[in-house]
């Protein structure tokens, strides 16, 4: 199999038909509510349902298995089984969709700004002592690794998303960070770490407006450094001069 997940050694016509068949099966899975463990049918059942050759169906199944959408289970009672969805599969599907719609890196960044603003607000409102410790642990890890850390890593952002307590927001941020990484290039680690510290300080202090403002400024600077300016509406975060909430104990700001 090639790096793209497409079966190697397939002719273009057969491969296109396999991709179309995989897309039909995926659409059927979604229409049925994506129920992991559901058996969609045996190979013979699927051959009859989709009217393709055994070679095309098997290539379609390999595509589905690569994207963690479904897998073929052999033996009695086997067949094509719906897999548990994960963000990796969603990211691949989103990437295909957004490429087809010719979405620009700047538009991706603008969408990420909007979603991450929601994440920091919700994280600020719901964070507890365990959440504070988790946030500080991520910052400590960044600091310990230092210049050797990949500045494109998004551990901090994914942690904030998790602390939002909203699985939908967490999934969207995981997808958007994966898709927008290329637009950010290779920012300086010191700048990224300092920005993360400032955002964490505002979250722990209970100041959602300031946390949103700092997150927006952080993402905008990353995009500008890579030559990807976001629309002006996304560039404006909440004013940092709004009244701040009470400062929580247990956090010693370093940025």
Protein backbone atom coordinates (compact mmCIF):
# COMPACT_ATOMS: atom_id res chain seq x y z
CA UNK A 1 0.00 0.00 0.00
CA UNK A 2 1.27 3.48 -0.81
CA UNK A 3 1.74 6.24 1.81
CA UNK A 4 -1.57 7.74 0.74
CA UNK A 5 -3.33 4.53 1.77
CA UNK A 6 -4.19 3.57 -1.81
CA UNK A 7 -3.49 0.01 -2.86
CA UNK A 8 -0.27 -0.28 -4.80
CA UNK A 9 -0.25 -1.70 -8.29
CA UNK A 10 -3.85 -0.78 -9.12
CA UNK A 11 -4.89 0.63 -12.44
CA UNK A 12 -6.40 4.14 -12.37
CA UNK A 13 -9.83 2.93 -13.48
CA UNK A 14 -10.07 0.18 -10.88
CA UNK A 15 -8.71 2.47 -8.18
CA UNK A 16 -11.27 5.15 -8.98
CA UNK A 17 -14.07 2.60 -8.79
CA UNK A 18 -12.67 1.31 -5.48
CA UNK A 19 -12.63 4.87 -4.08
CA UNK A 20 -16.22 5.41 -5.23
CA UNK A 21 -17.28 2.13 -3.63
CA UNK A 22 -15.49 3.02 -0.37
CA UNK A 23 -17.24 6.40 -0.38
CA UNK A 24 -20.64 4.71 -0.85
CA UNK A 25 -19.96 2.33 2.03
CA UNK A 26 -18.80 5.19 4.25
CA UNK A 27 -21.94 7.16 3.39
CA UNK A 28 -24.07 4.13 4.28
CA UNK A 29 -22.29 3.82 7.63
CA UNK A 30 -22.98 7.49 8.40
CA UNK A 31 -26.64 7.19 7.38
CA UNK A 32 -27.01 4.26 9.80
CA UNK A 33 -25.63 6.38 12.65
CA UNK A 34 -22.07 4.98 12.64
CA UNK A 35 -22.60 2.11 15.09
CA UNK A 36 -19.24 0.43 15.88
CA UNK A 37 -19.33 -3.35 15.72
CA UNK A 38 -22.18 -3.48 13.20
CA UNK A 39 -21.61 -6.08 10.47
CA UNK A 40 -22.50 -4.53 7.11
CA UNK A 41 -22.47 -7.86 5.33
CA UNK A 42 -20.24 -10.63 4.09
CA UNK A 43 -18.03 -10.20 1.05
CA UNK A 44 -20.68 -11.98 -1.04
CA UNK A 45 -23.39 -9.66 0.32
CA UNK A 46 -21.36 -6.56 -0.50
CA UNK A 47 -20.49 -7.80 -3.99
CA UNK A 48 -24.18 -8.15 -4.71
CA UNK A 49 -25.12 -4.84 -3.10
CA UNK A 50 -22.51 -2.67 -4.83
CA UNK A 51 -22.22 -4.58 -8.08
CA UNK A 52 -18.43 -4.52 -8.34
CA UNK A 53 -15.76 -7.14 -8.85
CA UNK A 54 -14.09 -8.92 -5.93
CA UNK A 55 -10.81 -7.09 -6.71
CA UNK A 56 -12.51 -3.66 -6.59
CA UNK A 57 -14.34 -4.49 -3.35
CA UNK A 58 -11.18 -5.67 -1.65
CA UNK A 59 -9.38 -2.49 -2.63
CA UNK A 60 -12.34 -0.46 -1.31
CA UNK A 61 -12.13 -2.38 1.97
CA UNK A 62 -8.41 -1.63 2.24
CA UNK A 63 -9.17 2.06 1.83
CA UNK A 64 -11.81 1.86 4.56
CA UNK A 65 -9.41 0.00 6.86
CA UNK A 66 -6.68 2.60 6.25
CA UNK A 67 -9.07 5.37 7.30
CA UNK A 68 -10.29 3.33 10.30
CA UNK A 69 -13.85 3.39 9.02
CA UNK A 70 -14.48 -0.36 8.73
CA UNK A 71 -12.53 -3.60 8.68
CA UNK A 72 -13.05 -7.08 7.32
CA UNK A 73 -13.47 -9.80 9.95
CA UNK A 74 -12.83 -13.31 8.74
CA UNK A 75 -14.45 -16.55 9.87
CA UNK A 76 -18.03 -17.56 10.80
CA UNK A 77 -20.23 -14.55 11.43
CA UNK A 78 -17.60 -12.32 9.87
CA UNK A 79 -17.91 -9.62 7.28
CA UNK A 80 -17.26 -5.91 6.96
CA UNK A 81 -17.48 -4.44 10.47
CA UNK A 82 -17.96 -0.77 11.36
CA UNK A 83 -14.96 0.55 13.29
CA UNK A 84 -15.05 3.00 16.19
CA UNK A 85 -14.51 6.49 14.73
CA UNK A 86 -11.51 8.52 15.83
CA UNK A 87 -10.12 11.95 15.06
CA UNK A 88 -7.60 10.50 12.62
CA UNK A 89 -10.34 9.23 10.35
CA UNK A 90 -12.25 12.50 10.71
CA UNK A 91 -9.11 14.48 9.88
CA UNK A 92 -8.48 12.50 6.70
CA UNK A 93 -12.11 12.91 5.62
CA UNK A 94 -12.03 16.63 6.44
CA UNK A 95 -8.77 17.05 4.56
CA UNK A 96 -10.28 15.48 1.44
CA UNK A 97 -13.40 17.63 1.72
CA UNK A 98 -11.55 20.90 2.31
CA UNK A 99 -9.10 20.24 -0.51
CA UNK A 100 -12.04 19.61 -2.82
CA UNK A 101 -13.56 22.95 -1.71
CA UNK A 102 -10.20 24.71 -2.20
CA UNK A 103 -10.17 26.05 1.37
CA UNK A 104 -7.14 28.27 1.91
CA UNK A 105 -4.69 28.02 4.85
CA UNK A 106 -5.88 31.45 6.00
CA UNK A 107 -9.47 30.20 6.16
CA UNK A 108 -8.35 27.17 8.17
CA UNK A 109 -6.55 29.43 10.64
CA UNK A 110 -9.62 31.68 10.93
CA UNK A 111 -11.78 28.65 11.74
CA UNK A 112 -9.23 27.49 14.29
CA UNK A 113 -9.22 30.89 16.00
CA UNK A 114 -13.01 30.75 16.40
CA UNK A 115 -13.01 27.22 17.84
CA UNK A 116 -10.05 27.80 20.15
CA UNK A 117 -11.70 30.93 21.54
CA UNK A 118 -14.62 28.74 22.55
CA UNK A 119 -12.23 26.20 24.09
CA UNK A 120 -10.36 28.69 26.28
CA UNK A 121 -13.59 30.26 27.46
CA UNK A 122 -15.07 26.91 28.48
CA UNK A 123 -11.77 25.76 30.00
CA UNK A 124 -11.55 28.97 32.05
CA UNK A 125 -15.09 28.53 33.34
CA UNK A 126 -14.72 24.87 34.32
CA UNK A 127 -11.06 24.35 35.26
CA UNK A 128 -10.36 22.80 38.66
CA UNK A 129 -7.19 21.87 40.57
CA UNK A 130 -6.68 18.72 38.50
CA UNK A 131 -7.06 20.75 35.33
CA UNK A 132 -4.56 23.32 36.57
CA UNK A 133 -2.06 20.56 37.27
CA UNK A 134 -2.56 19.10 33.82
CA UNK A 135 -2.03 22.50 32.20
CA UNK A 136 1.13 23.12 34.23
CA UNK A 137 2.45 19.65 33.39
CA UNK A 138 2.19 20.42 29.67
CA UNK A 139 4.06 23.70 30.15
CA UNK A 140 6.69 21.96 32.26
CA UNK A 141 7.15 19.36 29.53
CA UNK A 142 7.63 22.10 26.95
CA UNK A 143 10.17 23.84 29.15
CA UNK A 144 12.04 20.61 29.92
CA UNK A 145 12.40 19.67 26.28
CA UNK A 146 13.34 23.23 25.40
CA UNK A 147 14.65 24.07 21.96
CA UNK A 148 14.47 20.41 20.93
CA UNK A 149 10.69 20.43 21.04
CA UNK A 150 8.85 20.56 17.75
CA UNK A 151 7.20 23.98 17.79
CA UNK A 152 4.47 22.57 15.60
CA UNK A 153 3.34 20.24 18.39
CA UNK A 154 -0.08 21.06 19.75
CA UNK A 155 -0.04 19.33 23.14
CA UNK A 156 -0.93 22.57 24.89
CA UNK A 157 -3.80 23.36 22.54
CA UNK A 158 -5.18 19.83 22.76
CA UNK A 159 -4.97 20.00 26.57
CA UNK A 160 -6.96 23.25 26.63
CA UNK A 161 -9.49 21.62 24.30
CA UNK A 162 -9.80 18.65 26.68
CA UNK A 163 -10.21 20.97 29.65
CA UNK A 164 -13.12 22.67 27.89
CA UNK A 165 -15.15 19.58 28.78
CA UNK A 166 -16.77 19.67 25.34
CA UNK A 167 -16.00 16.58 23.21
CA UNK A 168 -17.21 18.35 20.06
CA UNK A 169 -14.82 21.26 20.60
CA UNK A 170 -12.01 18.83 21.46
CA UNK A 171 -12.53 16.85 18.25
CA UNK A 172 -12.75 19.97 16.07
CA UNK A 173 -9.55 21.39 17.52
CA UNK A 174 -7.73 18.10 17.00
CA UNK A 175 -8.82 18.11 13.35
CA UNK A 176 -8.08 21.80 12.74
CA UNK A 177 -4.67 21.67 14.40
CA UNK A 178 -3.71 18.71 12.24
CA UNK A 179 -4.87 20.45 9.07
CA UNK A 180 -3.44 23.90 9.84
CA UNK A 181 0.01 22.79 11.03
CA UNK A 182 1.50 23.22 7.56
CA UNK A 183 0.23 26.80 7.42
CA UNK A 184 2.23 27.70 10.54
CA UNK A 185 5.63 26.57 9.25
CA UNK A 186 8.28 26.33 12.01
CA UNK A 187 7.76 29.08 14.61
CA UNK A 188 10.37 29.87 17.27
CA UNK A 189 9.96 27.62 20.30
CA UNK A 190 10.59 30.47 22.76
CA UNK A 191 7.76 32.55 21.27
CA UNK A 192 5.36 29.60 21.28
CA UNK A 193 6.18 28.63 24.87
CA UNK A 194 5.86 32.21 26.11
CA UNK A 195 2.47 32.54 24.43
CA UNK A 196 1.30 29.26 25.99
CA UNK A 197 2.37 30.46 29.43
CA UNK A 198 0.39 33.69 28.98
CA UNK A 199 -2.73 31.84 27.89
CA UNK A 200 -2.45 29.39 30.79
CA UNK A 201 -1.99 32.27 33.25
CA UNK A 202 -5.24 33.87 32.07
CA UNK A 203 -7.15 30.58 32.18
CA UNK A 204 -6.02 29.78 35.71
CA UNK A 205 -6.74 33.36 36.80
CA UNK A 206 -10.33 32.95 35.65
CA UNK A 207 -10.03 35.67 32.99
CA UNK A 208 -11.76 34.22 29.93
CA UNK A 209 -11.60 37.47 27.94
CA UNK A 210 -7.85 37.78 28.38
CA UNK A 211 -7.32 34.07 27.62
CA UNK A 212 -9.32 34.43 24.40
CA UNK A 213 -7.41 37.56 23.44
CA UNK A 214 -4.03 35.91 24.01
CA UNK A 215 -5.03 32.75 22.15
CA UNK A 216 -6.21 34.79 19.16
CA UNK A 217 -3.03 36.86 19.16
CA UNK A 218 -0.91 33.69 19.44
CA UNK A 219 -2.57 31.97 16.47
CA UNK A 220 -2.54 35.17 14.43
CA UNK A 221 1.18 35.64 14.98
CA UNK A 222 1.86 32.06 13.95
CA UNK A 223 -0.14 32.59 10.77
CA UNK A 224 1.50 35.94 10.00
CA UNK A 225 4.97 34.46 10.50
CA UNK A 226 4.11 31.86 7.87
CA UNK A 227 2.62 34.46 5.55
CA UNK A 228 -0.97 33.39 6.13
CA UNK A 229 -2.98 36.37 7.38
CA UNK A 230 -6.46 35.59 8.60
CA UNK A 231 -9.48 37.80 7.83
CA UNK A 232 -9.71 40.91 10.00
CA UNK A 233 -12.79 39.64 11.83
CA UNK A 234 -10.89 36.60 13.09
CA UNK A 235 -7.93 38.77 13.96
CA UNK A 236 -9.84 40.76 16.56
CA UNK A 237 -10.00 38.90 19.85
CA UNK A 238 -11.89 40.07 22.97
CA UNK A 239 -10.42 43.20 24.46
CA UNK A 240 -7.73 42.50 27.03
CA UNK A 241 -8.89 45.48 29.08
CA UNK A 242 -12.12 43.86 30.24
CA UNK A 243 -12.39 43.25 34.00
CA UNK A 244 -10.49 40.16 35.07
CA UNK A 245 -11.90 37.43 37.24
CA UNK A 246 -10.45 36.54 40.63
CA UNK A 247 -6.95 35.06 40.44
CA UNK A 248 -6.79 31.44 41.52
CA UNK A 249 -4.09 30.25 43.85
CA UNK A 250 -1.47 27.72 42.99
CA UNK A 251 -0.18 29.21 39.71
CA UNK A 252 3.06 31.09 39.44
CA UNK A 253 3.14 32.79 36.02
CA UNK A 254 6.38 32.44 34.14
CA UNK A 255 5.51 34.31 30.96
